[in-house]
Amino acid sequence: MRYVLFWRGSRSVPVAEASSRLAELNERVAFFAELARELWACGELVAEQTLAGPEHARWVLAHEAGREGDGRHLGRPTLPPEEAFLVAYWLIDCDAPERAFEIAERVSAAAFFSVEVRPVQSSSGEEM
């Protein structure tokens, strides 16, 4: 069964504070790299990606029928932004949800925040 793990960063950490914690951040990066190697080696990690910061995000909203333009609108999110933003995701393939939770717990321990775990579904709604 496949699961996706999402983790988020905080918009409220000032750049100066983040810079002063560079050694701690480097330790976290090293931990994630080692965990990723371990999960790739046993076949549980299917895909992983770090995302650009929220300042690079663009939201696309389809225009209503009959409105001028190219059919889309680039702008702000339609929902108010949360304090946290998506930092990265991992797609994992493991035998049971408990294993997905174990992996998420390891990520959370290094990241110091919660990790969202969701089953992956096919377009028909069946879990993959």
N, C-alpha and C. Protein backbone atom coordinates (compact mmCIF):
# COMPACT_ATOMS: atom_id res chain seq x y z
N MET A 1 0.83 -1.16 0.00
CA MET A 1 0.00 0.00 0.00
C MET A 1 0.89 1.24 0.00
N ARG A 2 0.47 2.25 -0.71
CA ARG A 2 1.26 3.48 -0.78
C ARG A 2 0.65 4.57 0.10
N TYR A 3 1.56 5.35 0.68
CA TYR A 3 1.18 6.47 1.54
C TYR A 3 2.03 7.68 1.14
N VAL A 4 1.48 8.84 1.32
CA VAL A 4 2.25 10.05 1.10
C VAL A 4 2.42 10.74 2.45
N LEU A 5 3.65 11.17 2.73
CA LEU A 5 3.97 11.90 3.95
C LEU A 5 4.21 13.35 3.57
N PHE A 6 3.53 14.25 4.25
CA PHE A 6 3.73 15.69 4.02
C PHE A 6 4.29 16.30 5.29
N TRP A 7 5.28 17.16 5.15
CA TRP A 7 5.65 17.95 6.31
C TRP A 7 5.78 19.40 5.92
N ARG A 8 5.54 20.23 6.92
CA ARG A 8 5.42 21.66 6.70
C ARG A 8 6.44 22.42 7.53
N GLY A 9 6.78 23.60 7.05
CA GLY A 9 7.66 24.51 7.77
C GLY A 9 6.85 25.67 8.28
N SER A 10 7.43 26.42 9.18
CA SER A 10 6.73 27.55 9.76
C SER A 10 7.15 28.85 9.09
N ARG A 11 6.18 29.67 8.78
CA ARG A 11 6.47 31.00 8.24
C ARG A 11 6.90 31.94 9.35
N SER A 12 6.72 31.55 10.59
CA SER A 12 6.96 32.46 11.70
C SER A 12 8.40 32.43 12.21
N VAL A 13 9.26 31.59 11.65
CA VAL A 13 10.66 31.56 12.08
C VAL A 13 11.43 32.63 11.31
N PRO A 14 11.89 33.67 12.00
CA PRO A 14 12.64 34.73 11.32
C PRO A 14 13.91 34.20 10.68
N VAL A 15 14.31 34.80 9.58
CA VAL A 15 15.52 34.36 8.87
C VAL A 15 16.73 34.41 9.78
N ALA A 16 16.85 35.46 10.60
CA ALA A 16 18.00 35.58 11.51
C ALA A 16 18.04 34.41 12.48
N GLU A 17 16.90 34.01 13.00
CA GLU A 17 16.85 32.87 13.93
C GLU A 17 17.23 31.59 13.21
N ALA A 18 16.70 31.41 12.01
CA ALA A 18 17.02 30.20 11.23
C ALA A 18 18.52 30.16 10.94
N SER A 19 19.11 31.30 10.61
CA SER A 19 20.54 31.35 10.32
C SER A 19 21.37 30.99 11.54
N SER A 20 20.92 31.41 12.72
CA SER A 20 21.67 31.11 13.94
C SER A 20 21.59 29.63 14.31
N ARG A 21 20.64 28.93 13.74
CA ARG A 21 20.46 27.50 14.02
C ARG A 21 20.95 26.66 12.84
N LEU A 22 21.92 27.15 12.10
CA LEU A 22 22.41 26.47 10.90
C LEU A 22 22.94 25.07 11.20
N ALA A 23 23.68 24.91 12.29
CA ALA A 23 24.22 23.59 12.62
C ALA A 23 23.08 22.59 12.85
N GLU A 24 22.05 23.02 13.57
CA GLU A 24 20.90 22.16 13.83
C GLU A 24 20.19 21.80 12.52
N LEU A 25 20.05 22.77 11.64
CA LEU A 25 19.40 22.52 10.36
C LEU A 25 20.21 21.55 9.52
N ASN A 26 21.53 21.69 9.54
CA ASN A 26 22.40 20.77 8.80
C ASN A 26 22.29 19.35 9.34
N GLU A 27 22.14 19.20 10.67
CA GLU A 27 21.95 17.87 11.26
C GLU A 27 20.64 17.26 10.77
N ARG A 28 19.60 18.06 10.69
CA ARG A 28 18.31 17.57 10.20
C ARG A 28 18.42 17.11 8.75
N VAL A 29 19.08 17.91 7.94
CA VAL A 29 19.25 17.55 6.52
C VAL A 29 20.01 16.23 6.41
N ALA A 30 21.06 16.07 7.20
CA ALA A 30 21.83 14.82 7.18
C ALA A 30 20.96 13.64 7.62
N PHE A 31 20.12 13.85 8.64
CA PHE A 31 19.22 12.79 9.10
C PHE A 31 18.27 12.38 7.99
N PHE A 32 17.64 13.36 7.34
CA PHE A 32 16.68 13.05 6.27
C PHE A 32 17.37 12.33 5.11
N ALA A 33 18.58 12.73 4.78
CA ALA A 33 19.32 12.07 3.69
C ALA A 33 19.60 10.61 4.04
N GLU A 34 20.01 10.36 5.28
CA GLU A 34 20.29 8.98 5.70
C GLU A 34 19.02 8.14 5.74
N LEU A 35 17.93 8.70 6.26
CA LEU A 35 16.67 7.97 6.30
C LEU A 35 16.19 7.67 4.88
N ALA A 36 16.32 8.63 3.99
CA ALA A 36 15.93 8.41 2.59
C ALA A 36 16.75 7.28 1.97
N ARG A 37 18.08 7.27 2.21
CA ARG A 37 18.93 6.18 1.68
C ARG A 37 18.45 4.83 2.20
N GLU A 38 18.14 4.78 3.49
CA GLU A 38 17.66 3.53 4.10
C GLU A 38 16.35 3.07 3.46
N LEU A 39 15.41 3.98 3.27
CA LEU A 39 14.11 3.61 2.71
C LEU A 39 14.20 3.30 1.22
N TRP A 40 15.08 3.99 0.47
CA TRP A 40 15.30 3.65 -0.94
C TRP A 40 15.86 2.23 -1.04
N ALA A 41 16.83 1.92 -0.17
CA ALA A 41 17.50 0.62 -0.23
C ALA A 41 16.54 -0.54 0.01
N CYS A 42 15.57 -0.36 0.88
CA CYS A 42 14.63 -1.46 1.15
C CYS A 42 13.38 -1.38 0.27
N GLY A 43 13.32 -0.39 -0.62
CA GLY A 43 12.21 -0.30 -1.56
C GLY A 43 10.97 0.39 -1.04
N GLU A 44 11.04 0.97 0.15
CA GLU A 44 9.85 1.63 0.70
C GLU A 44 9.69 3.07 0.21
N LEU A 45 10.77 3.74 -0.13
CA LEU A 45 10.66 5.11 -0.63
C LEU A 45 10.50 5.06 -2.14
N VAL A 46 9.39 5.59 -2.62
CA VAL A 46 9.06 5.55 -4.05
C VAL A 46 9.44 6.86 -4.74
N ALA A 47 9.17 7.97 -4.07
CA ALA A 47 9.50 9.30 -4.61
C ALA A 47 9.62 10.26 -3.44
N GLU A 48 10.44 11.26 -3.61
CA GLU A 48 10.57 12.29 -2.59
C GLU A 48 10.99 13.58 -3.26
N GLN A 49 10.52 14.69 -2.71
CA GLN A 49 10.86 15.97 -3.31
C GLN A 49 10.76 17.07 -2.28
N THR A 50 11.78 17.92 -2.25
CA THR A 50 11.73 19.14 -1.47
C THR A 50 11.15 20.21 -2.39
N LEU A 51 10.33 21.07 -1.84
CA LEU A 51 9.65 22.08 -2.65
C LEU A 51 10.27 23.45 -2.44
N ALA A 52 10.15 24.31 -3.44
CA ALA A 52 10.59 25.70 -3.31
C ALA A 52 9.75 26.38 -2.23
N GLY A 53 10.26 27.45 -1.69
CA GLY A 53 9.56 28.18 -0.63
C GLY A 53 8.24 28.76 -1.08
N PRO A 54 7.40 29.13 -0.12
CA PRO A 54 6.07 29.63 -0.44
C PRO A 54 6.08 30.92 -1.25
N GLU A 55 7.19 31.65 -1.20
CA GLU A 55 7.26 32.88 -1.99
C GLU A 55 7.27 32.61 -3.49
N HIS A 56 7.52 31.37 -3.88
CA HIS A 56 7.52 30.99 -5.30
C HIS A 56 6.21 30.36 -5.73
N ALA A 57 5.29 30.18 -4.80
CA ALA A 57 4.02 29.53 -5.11
C ALA A 57 3.14 30.44 -5.96
N ARG A 58 2.42 29.84 -6.87
CA ARG A 58 1.42 30.55 -7.68
C ARG A 58 0.14 29.72 -7.61
N TRP A 59 -0.97 30.39 -7.54
CA TRP A 59 -2.26 29.71 -7.48
C TRP A 59 -2.97 29.95 -8.79
N VAL A 60 -3.56 28.91 -9.32
CA VAL A 60 -4.27 28.98 -10.59
C VAL A 60 -5.74 28.74 -10.31
N LEU A 61 -6.57 29.62 -10.81
CA LEU A 61 -8.01 29.50 -10.65
C LEU A 61 -8.64 29.67 -12.02
N ALA A 62 -9.40 28.68 -12.45
CA ALA A 62 -10.06 28.75 -13.76
C ALA A 62 -11.06 29.89 -13.77
N HIS A 63 -11.08 30.63 -14.88
CA HIS A 63 -12.07 31.69 -15.06
C HIS A 63 -13.44 31.08 -15.27
N GLU A 64 -14.43 31.83 -14.89
CA GLU A 64 -15.80 31.39 -15.17
C GLU A 64 -16.05 31.50 -16.67
N ALA A 65 -16.96 30.70 -17.16
CA ALA A 65 -17.31 30.73 -18.59
C ALA A 65 -17.75 32.14 -18.97
N GLY A 66 -17.30 32.59 -20.11
CA GLY A 66 -17.70 33.89 -20.63
C GLY A 66 -16.82 35.05 -20.19
N ARG A 67 -15.89 34.82 -19.25
CA ARG A 67 -15.00 35.90 -18.83
C ARG A 67 -13.85 36.02 -19.81
N GLU A 68 -13.35 37.21 -19.94
CA GLU A 68 -12.21 37.44 -20.84
C GLU A 68 -10.95 36.85 -20.23
N GLY A 69 -9.97 36.64 -21.07
CA GLY A 69 -8.69 36.14 -20.61
C GLY A 69 -8.39 34.78 -21.21
N ASP A 70 -7.30 34.20 -20.73
CA ASP A 70 -6.84 32.93 -21.30
C ASP A 70 -7.41 31.72 -20.57
N GLY A 71 -8.42 31.91 -19.74
CA GLY A 71 -9.04 30.78 -19.07
C GLY A 71 -8.48 30.46 -17.72
N ARG A 72 -7.50 31.22 -17.27
CA ARG A 72 -6.96 30.97 -15.93
C ARG A 72 -6.52 32.29 -15.31
N HIS A 73 -6.37 32.24 -14.02
CA HIS A 73 -5.97 33.43 -13.28
C HIS A 73 -4.87 33.03 -12.32
N LEU A 74 -3.75 33.73 -12.36
CA LEU A 74 -2.66 33.50 -11.41
C LEU A 74 -2.79 34.55 -10.33
N GLY A 75 -2.82 34.13 -9.11
CA GLY A 75 -2.99 35.10 -8.04
C GLY A 75 -2.78 34.50 -6.68
N ARG A 76 -3.51 35.00 -5.73
CA ARG A 76 -3.43 34.56 -4.35
C ARG A 76 -4.30 33.31 -4.15
N PRO A 77 -4.05 32.57 -3.08
CA PRO A 77 -4.88 31.40 -2.82
C PRO A 77 -6.31 31.82 -2.51
N THR A 78 -7.24 30.93 -2.83
CA THR A 78 -8.64 31.23 -2.58
C THR A 78 -8.98 31.05 -1.10
N LEU A 79 -8.17 30.30 -0.39
CA LEU A 79 -8.34 30.15 1.06
C LEU A 79 -7.23 30.92 1.75
N PRO A 80 -7.48 31.43 2.95
CA PRO A 80 -6.43 32.18 3.65
C PRO A 80 -5.21 31.29 3.89
N PRO A 81 -4.00 31.80 3.66
CA PRO A 81 -2.81 30.98 3.89
C PRO A 81 -2.65 30.66 5.37
N GLU A 82 -2.23 29.47 5.64
CA GLU A 82 -1.95 29.06 7.02
C GLU A 82 -0.56 29.54 7.38
N GLU A 83 -0.25 29.48 8.64
CA GLU A 83 1.09 29.88 9.06
C GLU A 83 2.13 28.91 8.52
N ALA A 84 1.77 27.64 8.42
CA ALA A 84 2.70 26.62 7.94
C ALA A 84 2.55 26.45 6.43
N PHE A 85 3.64 26.08 5.78
CA PHE A 85 3.62 25.81 4.36
C PHE A 85 4.26 24.46 4.09
N LEU A 86 3.86 23.84 2.98
CA LEU A 86 4.36 22.53 2.63
C LEU A 86 5.83 22.63 2.25
N VAL A 87 6.66 21.84 2.92
CA VAL A 87 8.10 21.84 2.69
C VAL A 87 8.50 20.73 1.74
N ALA A 88 7.96 19.53 1.98
CA ALA A 88 8.39 18.36 1.21
C ALA A 88 7.34 17.28 1.32
N TYR A 89 7.49 16.29 0.44
CA TYR A 89 6.66 15.10 0.54
C TYR A 89 7.49 13.89 0.19
N TRP A 90 7.10 12.76 0.74
CA TRP A 90 7.67 11.47 0.39
C TRP A 90 6.52 10.55 0.03
N LEU A 91 6.67 9.80 -1.02
CA LEU A 91 5.73 8.75 -1.37
C LEU A 91 6.38 7.44 -0.98
N ILE A 92 5.73 6.72 -0.08
CA ILE A 92 6.30 5.47 0.42
C ILE A 92 5.38 4.31 0.08
N ASP A 93 5.95 3.13 0.02
CA ASP A 93 5.20 1.92 -0.28
C ASP A 93 5.54 0.91 0.81
N CYS A 94 4.58 0.62 1.67
CA CYS A 94 4.83 -0.32 2.77
C CYS A 94 3.61 -1.20 2.97
N ASP A 95 3.82 -2.27 3.72
CA ASP A 95 2.78 -3.29 3.87
C ASP A 95 1.60 -2.89 4.74
N ALA A 96 1.80 -1.98 5.66
CA ALA A 96 0.72 -1.67 6.60
C ALA A 96 0.78 -0.20 7.01
N PRO A 97 -0.36 0.35 7.41
CA PRO A 97 -0.37 1.74 7.85
C PRO A 97 0.55 1.97 9.05
N GLU A 98 0.71 0.95 9.90
CA GLU A 98 1.57 1.10 11.06
C GLU A 98 3.01 1.41 10.65
N ARG A 99 3.47 0.79 9.55
CA ARG A 99 4.83 1.07 9.07
C ARG A 99 4.92 2.50 8.57
N ALA A 100 3.90 2.98 7.88
CA ALA A 100 3.88 4.38 7.43
C ALA A 100 3.96 5.32 8.63
N PHE A 101 3.24 4.98 9.71
CA PHE A 101 3.27 5.80 10.91
C PHE A 101 4.65 5.76 11.57
N GLU A 102 5.31 4.61 11.55
CA GLU A 102 6.67 4.50 12.10
C GLU A 102 7.62 5.43 11.36
N ILE A 103 7.55 5.41 10.03
CA ILE A 103 8.43 6.27 9.23
C ILE A 103 8.11 7.73 9.51
N ALA A 104 6.83 8.08 9.55
CA ALA A 104 6.43 9.46 9.82
C ALA A 104 6.92 9.90 11.20
N GLU A 105 6.90 8.99 12.17
CA GLU A 105 7.38 9.32 13.51
C GLU A 105 8.86 9.66 13.49
N ARG A 106 9.63 8.93 12.70
CA ARG A 106 11.07 9.21 12.59
C ARG A 106 11.31 10.56 11.95
N VAL A 107 10.53 10.88 10.92
CA VAL A 107 10.64 12.20 10.28
C VAL A 107 10.27 13.28 11.28
N SER A 108 9.17 13.09 11.98
CA SER A 108 8.69 14.08 12.94
C SER A 108 9.70 14.32 14.05
N ALA A 109 10.35 13.26 14.51
CA ALA A 109 11.34 13.41 15.59
C ALA A 109 12.49 14.31 15.17
N ALA A 110 12.88 14.23 13.90
CA ALA A 110 13.98 15.06 13.42
C ALA A 110 13.51 16.46 13.05
N ALA A 111 12.28 16.57 12.60
CA ALA A 111 11.77 17.85 12.13
C ALA A 111 11.14 18.68 13.23
N PHE A 112 10.79 18.06 14.36
CA PHE A 112 10.16 18.72 15.50
C PHE A 112 8.77 19.26 15.18
N PHE A 113 8.07 18.63 14.26
CA PHE A 113 6.68 18.99 13.98
C PHE A 113 5.98 17.77 13.43
N SER A 114 4.66 17.86 13.35
CA SER A 114 3.90 16.69 12.92
C SER A 114 4.06 16.45 11.43
N VAL A 115 3.85 15.21 11.04
CA VAL A 115 3.92 14.79 9.65
C VAL A 115 2.57 14.20 9.29
N GLU A 116 1.99 14.69 8.22
CA GLU A 116 0.69 14.18 7.77
C GLU A 116 0.90 12.92 6.95
N VAL A 117 0.11 11.89 7.22
CA VAL A 117 0.18 10.61 6.50
C VAL A 117 -1.17 10.40 5.84
N ARG A 118 -1.16 10.17 4.53
CA ARG A 118 -2.40 9.88 3.81
C ARG A 118 -2.20 8.70 2.88
N PRO A 119 -3.19 7.79 2.83
CA PRO A 119 -3.13 6.72 1.83
C PRO A 119 -3.28 7.32 0.43
N VAL A 120 -2.63 6.72 -0.53
CA VAL A 120 -2.75 7.15 -1.92
C VAL A 120 -3.87 6.36 -2.55
N GLN A 121 -4.73 7.04 -3.29
CA GLN A 121 -5.85 6.38 -3.94
C GLN A 121 -5.73 6.49 -5.45
N SER A 122 -6.28 5.51 -6.13
CA SER A 122 -6.36 5.58 -7.59
C SER A 122 -7.52 6.50 -7.94
N SER A 123 -7.68 6.81 -9.20
CA SER A 123 -8.76 7.69 -9.61
C SER A 123 -10.13 7.09 -9.32
N SER A 124 -10.20 5.77 -9.14
CA SER A 124 -11.46 5.12 -8.82
C SER A 124 -11.76 5.18 -7.31
N GLY A 125 -10.81 5.68 -6.55
CA GLY A 125 -11.00 5.79 -5.10
C GLY A 125 -10.43 4.63 -4.31
N GLU A 126 -9.90 3.63 -5.00
CA GLU A 126 -9.31 2.49 -4.31
C GLU A 126 -7.92 2.87 -3.82
N GLU A 127 -7.58 2.36 -2.63
CA GLU A 127 -6.25 2.61 -2.11
C GLU A 127 -5.24 1.80 -2.91
N MET A 128 -4.09 2.41 -3.17
CA MET A 128 -3.05 1.75 -3.96
C MET A 128 -2.02 1.10 -3.04
